[in-house]
Amino acid sequence: MASPRIEINLERIGHNVRMLDALYGAKGIKVIGVTKGVCGDPAIVETLLKNGIETLADSRVSNLKNMREAGIKAQFMLLRAPLISEVETVVKYADISLNSELLTIKILSKYAIAQKKSHKVILMIELGDLREGIMPIDVTEIVTQIVKLEGIELVGIGTNLACFGGIKPDEGNMSQLSAIAGELEEAFGLSLQFISGGGSTNYNWFSKTKNVKRVNNLRIGESIYLGCEPLHRTIIPKLFTDAFKLIGEVIEIKTKPSLPYGEVGQNAFGEIPVFEDQGLMRRAILGIGLQDVTVSGLIPYLDIDILGASSDHLILNVKQTILKIGDEVSFHLNYGALLSAMTSPYVTKQYDESIECK
């Protein structure tokens, strides 16, 4: 089999979608499937749609374009605010986009009119995490101008939390988002379709709250693919955490000193590494490296330690594990490692509904 590769269990992904759809649906929240972590991969995307997802969201217009051209039938959402340089293609390939700049929305209007389309907009509100979003005090003034624009339909408001500042979704910020939605509907005669409270990070708030108020939408990626919530990486009950597995092949195995010898300078990435002298060590090298995956996000299934990596070598302390040249070593991935491995053209993607993930 090809190596390095990522083995993708489509059935386990589908199971996670069904469980999350039922979980959040019990309190009236609809799940949008975020595809950026899997680069809009058609096989995975089709699995999402077959198991209940209706809207697909990605931060890259190129991924939306590729999904449309692959014949994927869904509503498409652009997660990241459009670049001015790509607005024309955003209108062409995205049904909805998340926005926080009036200028960008005005340019979306221009291209929507030119393409004879109605482009839907979700206005992002800043609620403390300090990534994207307009300040709550400015919402009314900005919406006053948005509703006048031709070719633009304001269909919702949303917020982003725990991605930059680590601010958790809680009763306070979810209540504030709900209140803003109510105020806008009353002031402008709107009926907002999306009150989007965030994403996988909302799980703990959702689990504890007795009233989700107006929040009716979450943009979910990590929980679907890895079966956990991102704040503490707690496993969500009844979800699979092993739908993805990264495989690398042993290209060298030798007993060597644990402490490099000679004059120390910078390594290939401009760092001065520090090592502990542990005596002789049974070490293996795999044919995979930083050009393939974010190594810090890998967790070996075997009782071995990752010592470090260069661009295309992964160095392991195999301890008592017996390995030989040509053997394969498997790893669990966190979200950052999944994103990088799925993005790398050097990592083969293998799809199977019967892989025994262990």
Protein backbone atom coordinates (compact mmCIF):
# COMPACT_ATOMS: atom_id res chain seq x y z
CA MET A 1 0.00 0.00 0.00
CA ALA A 2 1.05 3.59 -0.59
CA SER A 3 2.89 5.36 2.22
CA PRO A 4 2.47 7.79 3.78
CA ARG A 5 -1.30 7.54 3.67
CA ILE A 6 -4.32 8.53 5.65
CA GLU A 7 -6.99 5.85 6.06
CA ILE A 8 -10.49 7.30 6.15
CA ASN A 9 -13.38 5.30 7.56
CA LEU A 10 -16.43 6.81 5.85
CA GLU A 11 -18.92 4.77 7.87
CA ARG A 12 -17.59 6.15 11.14
CA ILE A 13 -17.78 9.68 9.80
CA GLY A 14 -21.38 9.03 8.73
CA HIS A 15 -22.19 7.63 12.16
CA ASN A 16 -20.80 10.75 13.85
CA VAL A 17 -22.87 12.98 11.58
CA ARG A 18 -26.08 11.11 12.44
CA MET A 19 -25.37 11.22 16.17
CA LEU A 20 -24.54 14.94 16.17
CA ASP A 21 -27.53 15.78 14.00
CA ALA A 22 -29.80 14.01 16.48
CA LEU A 23 -28.02 15.48 19.51
CA TYR A 24 -28.21 19.12 18.45
CA GLY A 25 -31.52 18.65 16.68
CA ALA A 26 -33.14 17.68 19.98
CA LYS A 27 -32.84 21.33 21.01
CA GLY A 28 -33.68 22.78 17.61
CA ILE A 29 -30.14 23.39 16.37
CA LYS A 30 -29.23 22.54 12.78
CA VAL A 31 -25.72 21.33 11.98
CA ILE A 32 -23.72 22.73 9.07
CA GLY A 33 -20.91 20.44 7.92
CA VAL A 34 -17.52 22.20 7.85
CA THR A 35 -15.31 20.76 5.11
CA LYS A 36 -12.14 22.84 5.47
CA GLY A 37 -10.42 20.23 7.65
CA VAL A 38 -10.77 17.68 4.85
CA CYS A 39 -10.22 20.16 1.99
CA GLY A 40 -13.69 19.60 0.57
CA ASP A 41 -12.84 15.97 -0.19
CA PRO A 42 -15.71 14.66 -2.41
CA ALA A 43 -15.96 11.19 -0.83
CA ILE A 44 -16.17 12.65 2.67
CA VAL A 45 -18.54 15.40 1.57
CA GLU A 46 -20.91 12.88 -0.01
CA THR A 47 -20.85 10.97 3.28
CA LEU A 48 -21.90 14.12 5.14
CA LEU A 49 -24.79 14.72 2.75
CA LYS A 50 -25.98 11.10 2.83
CA ASN A 51 -26.21 11.27 6.61
CA GLY A 52 -28.24 14.44 7.04
CA ILE A 53 -26.06 17.48 6.31
CA GLU A 54 -27.68 19.99 3.94
CA THR A 55 -25.22 22.93 4.02
CA LEU A 56 -21.47 22.61 3.51
CA ALA A 57 -19.09 25.30 4.79
CA ASP A 58 -15.49 25.91 3.82
CA SER A 59 -13.02 28.76 4.28
CA ARG A 60 -11.52 28.39 0.79
CA VAL A 61 -13.40 29.41 -2.34
CA SER A 62 -11.29 26.92 -4.30
CA ASN A 63 -12.74 24.07 -2.22
CA LEU A 64 -16.29 25.30 -2.87
CA LYS A 65 -15.50 25.49 -6.58
CA ASN A 66 -14.06 21.98 -6.60
CA MET A 67 -17.10 20.57 -4.79
CA ARG A 68 -19.52 22.22 -7.20
CA GLU A 69 -17.53 21.01 -10.20
CA ALA A 70 -17.49 17.50 -8.72
CA GLY A 71 -21.29 17.55 -8.92
CA ILE A 72 -21.92 17.91 -5.18
CA LYS A 73 -25.51 19.04 -4.62
CA ALA A 74 -25.78 21.17 -1.48
CA GLN A 75 -26.01 24.71 -0.21
CA PHE A 76 -22.48 26.14 0.02
CA MET A 77 -21.23 28.58 2.64
CA LEU A 78 -17.94 30.50 2.68
CA LEU A 79 -16.70 30.47 6.28
CA ARG A 80 -13.95 33.06 6.07
CA ALA A 81 -14.84 36.63 5.14
CA PRO A 82 -14.33 37.09 1.38
CA LEU A 83 -11.13 38.63 0.10
CA ILE A 84 -11.87 41.68 -2.04
CA SER A 85 -9.82 40.04 -4.79
CA GLU A 86 -12.09 36.97 -4.84
CA VAL A 87 -15.54 38.51 -4.40
CA GLU A 88 -16.62 37.75 -7.97
CA THR A 89 -15.86 34.03 -7.53
CA VAL A 90 -17.46 34.04 -4.07
CA VAL A 91 -20.77 35.09 -5.62
CA LYS A 92 -20.33 32.44 -8.29
CA TYR A 93 -19.56 29.49 -6.03
CA ALA A 94 -20.95 30.34 -2.56
CA ASP A 95 -24.64 30.66 -1.79
CA ILE A 96 -23.89 32.23 1.61
CA SER A 97 -20.87 34.01 3.06
CA LEU A 98 -19.92 35.16 6.56
CA ASN A 99 -19.08 38.87 6.61
CA SER A 100 -17.92 41.58 8.99
CA GLU A 101 -17.02 44.46 6.62
CA LEU A 102 -19.63 46.68 5.01
CA LEU A 103 -17.30 47.51 2.10
CA THR A 104 -16.99 43.82 1.24
CA ILE A 105 -20.77 43.36 1.37
CA LYS A 106 -21.22 46.33 -0.97
CA ILE A 107 -18.83 44.73 -3.47
CA LEU A 108 -20.69 41.42 -3.09
CA SER A 109 -23.82 43.36 -4.01
CA LYS A 110 -22.18 44.69 -7.15
CA TYR A 111 -21.20 41.24 -8.38
CA ALA A 112 -24.49 39.64 -7.33
CA ILE A 113 -26.31 42.19 -9.50
CA ALA A 114 -23.92 41.53 -12.39
CA GLN A 115 -24.45 37.76 -12.09
CA LYS A 116 -28.21 38.20 -11.59
CA LYS A 117 -28.06 36.41 -8.26
CA SER A 118 -29.17 36.95 -4.70
CA HIS A 119 -26.21 36.39 -2.40
CA LYS A 120 -26.99 35.51 1.21
CA VAL A 121 -25.02 37.11 4.02
CA ILE A 122 -24.53 36.17 7.67
CA LEU A 123 -23.25 39.14 9.64
CA MET A 124 -20.59 38.15 12.16
CA ILE A 125 -20.78 39.75 15.62
CA GLU A 126 -17.77 40.23 17.93
CA LEU A 127 -18.55 38.69 21.33
CA GLY A 128 -15.14 38.57 22.97
CA ASP A 129 -12.83 36.19 21.12
CA LEU A 130 -11.44 39.07 19.03
CA ARG A 131 -11.22 37.35 15.70
CA GLU A 132 -13.77 38.48 13.08
CA GLY A 133 -16.99 40.34 13.84
CA ILE A 134 -18.45 43.83 14.15
CA MET A 135 -18.85 45.33 17.60
CA PRO A 136 -22.41 44.97 18.96
CA ILE A 137 -22.78 48.73 19.29
CA ASP A 138 -22.36 49.08 15.49
CA VAL A 139 -24.84 46.39 14.42
CA THR A 140 -27.90 48.55 13.87
CA GLU A 141 -26.05 51.15 11.80
CA ILE A 142 -24.47 48.52 9.56
CA VAL A 143 -27.67 46.53 9.08
CA THR A 144 -29.45 49.76 8.11
CA GLN A 145 -27.12 49.94 5.11
CA ILE A 146 -27.07 46.22 4.31
CA VAL A 147 -30.82 45.92 3.91
CA LYS A 148 -30.74 48.62 1.22
CA LEU A 149 -28.30 46.73 -0.99
CA GLU A 150 -29.57 45.02 -4.13
CA GLY A 151 -28.55 41.43 -4.67
CA ILE A 152 -27.87 40.92 -0.95
CA GLU A 153 -30.12 39.03 1.46
CA LEU A 154 -29.28 39.26 5.15
CA VAL A 155 -30.23 35.78 6.34
CA GLY A 156 -28.61 35.64 9.75
CA ILE A 157 -26.07 36.67 12.32
CA GLY A 158 -23.31 34.62 13.83
CA THR A 159 -20.28 34.66 16.06
CA ASN A 160 -16.95 32.91 16.39
CA LEU A 161 -15.55 31.87 19.75
CA ALA A 162 -12.58 29.92 21.13
CA CYS A 163 -10.57 30.06 17.89
CA PHE A 164 -8.26 33.00 18.65
CA GLY A 165 -8.76 34.33 22.16
CA GLY A 166 -9.93 31.02 23.66
CA ILE A 167 -13.19 32.58 24.87
CA LYS A 168 -15.73 29.84 25.55
CA PRO A 169 -19.33 29.87 24.35
CA ASP A 170 -21.47 30.34 27.46
CA GLU A 171 -24.85 31.54 28.66
CA GLY A 172 -23.71 35.16 28.51
CA ASN A 173 -22.46 35.38 24.94
CA MET A 174 -25.14 33.06 23.54
CA SER A 175 -27.83 35.14 25.25
CA GLN A 176 -26.29 38.30 23.82
CA LEU A 177 -26.31 36.86 20.30
CA SER A 178 -29.95 35.83 20.72
CA ALA A 179 -30.88 39.29 21.99
CA ILE A 180 -29.22 40.99 19.02
CA ALA A 181 -31.15 38.72 16.67
CA GLY A 182 -34.44 39.68 18.29
CA GLU A 183 -33.61 43.37 18.18
CA LEU A 184 -32.74 43.25 14.49
CA GLU A 185 -35.86 41.33 13.56
CA GLU A 186 -38.04 43.82 15.40
CA ALA A 187 -36.25 46.92 14.09
CA PHE A 188 -36.05 45.86 10.45
CA GLY A 189 -38.93 43.43 10.04
CA LEU A 190 -36.53 40.59 9.34
CA SER A 191 -36.95 36.87 9.86
CA LEU A 192 -33.42 35.60 10.35
CA GLN A 193 -32.86 32.03 9.19
CA PHE A 194 -29.46 31.58 10.87
CA ILE A 195 -28.54 32.45 14.45
CA SER A 196 -25.17 30.74 14.27
CA GLY A 197 -23.61 30.38 17.71
CA GLY A 198 -20.28 28.92 16.68
CA GLY A 199 -19.05 25.40 16.08
CA SER A 200 -17.71 22.28 17.77
CA THR A 201 -16.59 24.44 20.71
CA ASN A 202 -20.26 24.99 21.65
CA TYR A 203 -20.70 21.40 22.86
CA ASN A 204 -20.11 22.08 26.57
CA TRP A 205 -22.45 25.08 26.59
CA PHE A 206 -25.05 23.09 24.68
CA SER A 207 -24.81 20.11 27.06
CA LYS A 208 -25.35 22.25 30.16
CA THR A 209 -27.87 24.84 29.01
CA LYS A 210 -31.57 24.31 29.50
CA ASN A 211 -32.45 26.96 26.94
CA VAL A 212 -30.49 27.59 23.73
CA LYS A 213 -32.65 30.69 23.21
CA ARG A 214 -32.48 31.85 19.59
CA VAL A 215 -29.36 29.90 18.62
CA ASN A 216 -30.44 27.51 15.87
CA ASN A 217 -27.26 26.75 13.96
CA LEU A 218 -23.73 25.47 14.58
CA ARG A 219 -20.87 25.04 12.11
CA ILE A 220 -19.37 21.63 12.99
CA GLY A 221 -16.12 20.10 11.75
CA GLU A 222 -13.86 18.67 14.45
CA SER A 223 -16.63 16.85 16.31
CA ILE A 224 -17.70 15.12 13.09
CA TYR A 225 -14.22 14.00 12.11
CA LEU A 226 -12.56 13.35 15.47
CA GLY A 227 -15.49 12.71 17.80
CA CYS A 228 -14.51 15.29 20.41
CA GLU A 229 -15.07 18.87 21.47
CA PRO A 230 -12.11 21.25 20.96
CA LEU A 231 -11.98 23.11 24.29
CA HIS A 232 -10.68 20.16 26.32
CA ARG A 233 -10.66 17.44 23.61
CA THR A 234 -13.27 15.55 25.61
CA ILE A 235 -14.77 12.63 23.70
CA ILE A 236 -18.46 13.10 22.90
CA PRO A 237 -20.46 10.03 23.95
CA LYS A 238 -21.36 7.56 21.17
CA LEU A 239 -18.95 9.14 18.67
CA PHE A 240 -15.98 7.50 16.98
CA THR A 241 -12.61 9.19 17.52
CA ASP A 242 -10.71 7.02 15.03
CA ALA A 243 -12.30 7.70 11.65
CA PHE A 244 -8.87 8.88 10.41
CA LYS A 245 -5.55 7.12 10.82
CA LEU A 246 -2.15 8.23 9.47
CA ILE A 247 0.29 5.53 8.35
CA GLY A 248 4.05 5.89 7.87
CA GLU A 249 6.66 3.33 6.79
CA VAL A 250 9.93 2.49 8.56
CA ILE A 251 12.96 3.35 6.41
CA GLU A 252 15.69 2.96 9.06
CA ILE A 253 15.95 1.26 12.44
CA LYS A 254 19.15 1.36 14.46
CA THR A 255 20.52 1.69 17.97
CA LYS A 256 22.09 5.13 18.33
CA PRO A 257 23.02 7.59 21.08
CA SER A 258 20.12 9.64 22.34
CA LEU A 259 22.26 12.80 22.48
CA PRO A 260 23.52 14.28 19.17
CA TYR A 261 27.29 14.87 19.17
CA GLY A 262 29.41 17.59 17.60
CA GLU A 263 29.09 21.39 17.57
CA VAL A 264 25.45 22.51 17.82
CA GLY A 265 23.92 25.00 15.39
CA GLN A 266 20.44 25.62 14.00
CA ASN A 267 18.49 22.74 12.56
CA ALA A 268 16.68 22.81 9.19
CA PHE A 269 13.91 25.00 10.62
CA GLY A 270 16.06 27.61 12.32
CA GLU A 271 15.78 26.10 15.79
CA ILE A 272 18.50 25.09 18.22
CA PRO A 273 17.26 21.74 19.51
CA VAL A 274 17.80 20.51 23.04
CA PHE A 275 18.04 16.80 23.87
CA GLU A 276 18.31 14.75 27.04
CA ASP A 277 21.00 12.10 27.31
CA GLN A 278 19.16 8.81 27.84
CA GLY A 279 22.00 6.57 26.74
CA LEU A 280 21.70 4.26 23.75
CA MET A 281 18.27 4.23 22.16
CA ARG A 282 16.52 2.00 19.65
CA ARG A 283 15.44 4.53 17.03
CA ALA A 284 13.32 4.28 13.90
CA ILE A 285 12.89 6.71 11.04
CA LEU A 286 9.63 6.87 9.08
CA GLY A 287 9.31 8.27 5.57
CA ILE A 288 7.03 11.11 6.61
CA GLY A 289 7.76 14.57 7.93
CA LEU A 290 6.76 18.17 8.41
CA GLN A 291 6.01 18.61 4.72
CA ASP A 292 3.30 15.98 5.14
CA VAL A 293 1.76 16.59 8.54
CA THR A 294 1.88 18.72 11.69
CA VAL A 295 3.94 16.25 13.70
CA SER A 296 3.03 17.76 17.07
CA GLY A 297 -0.55 16.61 16.44
CA LEU A 298 0.33 12.92 16.06
CA ILE A 299 -0.29 10.30 18.74
CA PRO A 300 1.22 6.83 18.13
CA TYR A 301 -0.98 3.79 18.64
CA LEU A 302 2.09 1.79 19.69
CA ASP A 303 4.18 2.33 22.83
CA ILE A 304 6.73 4.56 21.12
CA ASP A 305 7.78 8.21 21.45
CA ILE A 306 8.11 10.82 18.72
CA LEU A 307 11.52 12.48 19.12
CA GLY A 308 11.09 15.01 16.33
CA ALA A 309 10.99 15.48 12.59
CA SER A 310 12.59 17.14 9.61
CA SER A 311 10.79 17.94 6.38
CA ASP A 312 10.49 14.29 5.32
CA HIS A 313 11.79 12.19 8.23
CA LEU A 314 10.00 11.30 11.47
CA ILE A 315 12.32 10.07 14.23
CA LEU A 316 11.00 7.70 16.88
CA ASN A 317 12.20 6.09 20.08
CA VAL A 318 10.64 2.65 19.63
CA LYS A 319 11.57 1.50 23.17
CA GLN A 320 10.64 -2.21 23.46
CA THR A 321 8.50 -2.30 20.31
CA ILE A 322 9.82 -4.65 17.65
CA LEU A 323 9.92 -3.01 14.22
CA LYS A 324 11.79 -3.79 11.00
CA ILE A 325 12.40 -2.03 7.71
CA GLY A 326 9.17 -1.80 5.71
CA ASP A 327 6.89 -2.06 8.73
CA GLU A 328 4.11 0.50 9.07
CA VAL A 329 3.39 2.65 12.11
CA SER A 330 -0.07 4.15 12.74
CA PHE A 331 -0.99 7.44 14.38
CA HIS A 332 -4.10 9.13 15.68
CA LEU A 333 -4.38 12.78 14.55
CA ASN A 334 -5.63 15.92 16.24
CA TYR A 335 -7.40 18.56 14.16
CA GLY A 336 -4.23 20.40 13.14
CA ALA A 337 -2.57 17.18 12.02
CA LEU A 338 -5.71 16.10 10.14
CA LEU A 339 -5.87 19.43 8.32
CA SER A 340 -2.21 19.30 7.28
CA ALA A 341 -2.28 15.64 6.22
CA MET A 342 -5.43 16.14 4.14
CA THR A 343 -3.83 19.22 2.53
CA SER A 344 -0.54 17.52 1.67
CA PRO A 345 -0.34 16.17 -1.90
CA TYR A 346 2.23 13.65 -0.66
CA VAL A 347 -0.18 11.82 1.66
CA THR A 348 -2.37 9.28 -0.17
CA LYS A 349 -6.03 9.22 0.85
CA GLN A 350 -7.53 5.76 1.20
CA TYR A 351 -11.28 5.39 1.70
CA ASP A 352 -12.89 2.38 3.27
CA GLU A 353 -16.10 1.64 5.11
CA SER A 354 -14.68 -1.50 6.69
CA ILE A 355 -11.28 -0.43 8.04
CA GLU A 356 -10.88 -1.61 11.61
CA CYS A 357 -9.67 1.55 13.32
CA LYS A 358 -8.03 0.63 16.62
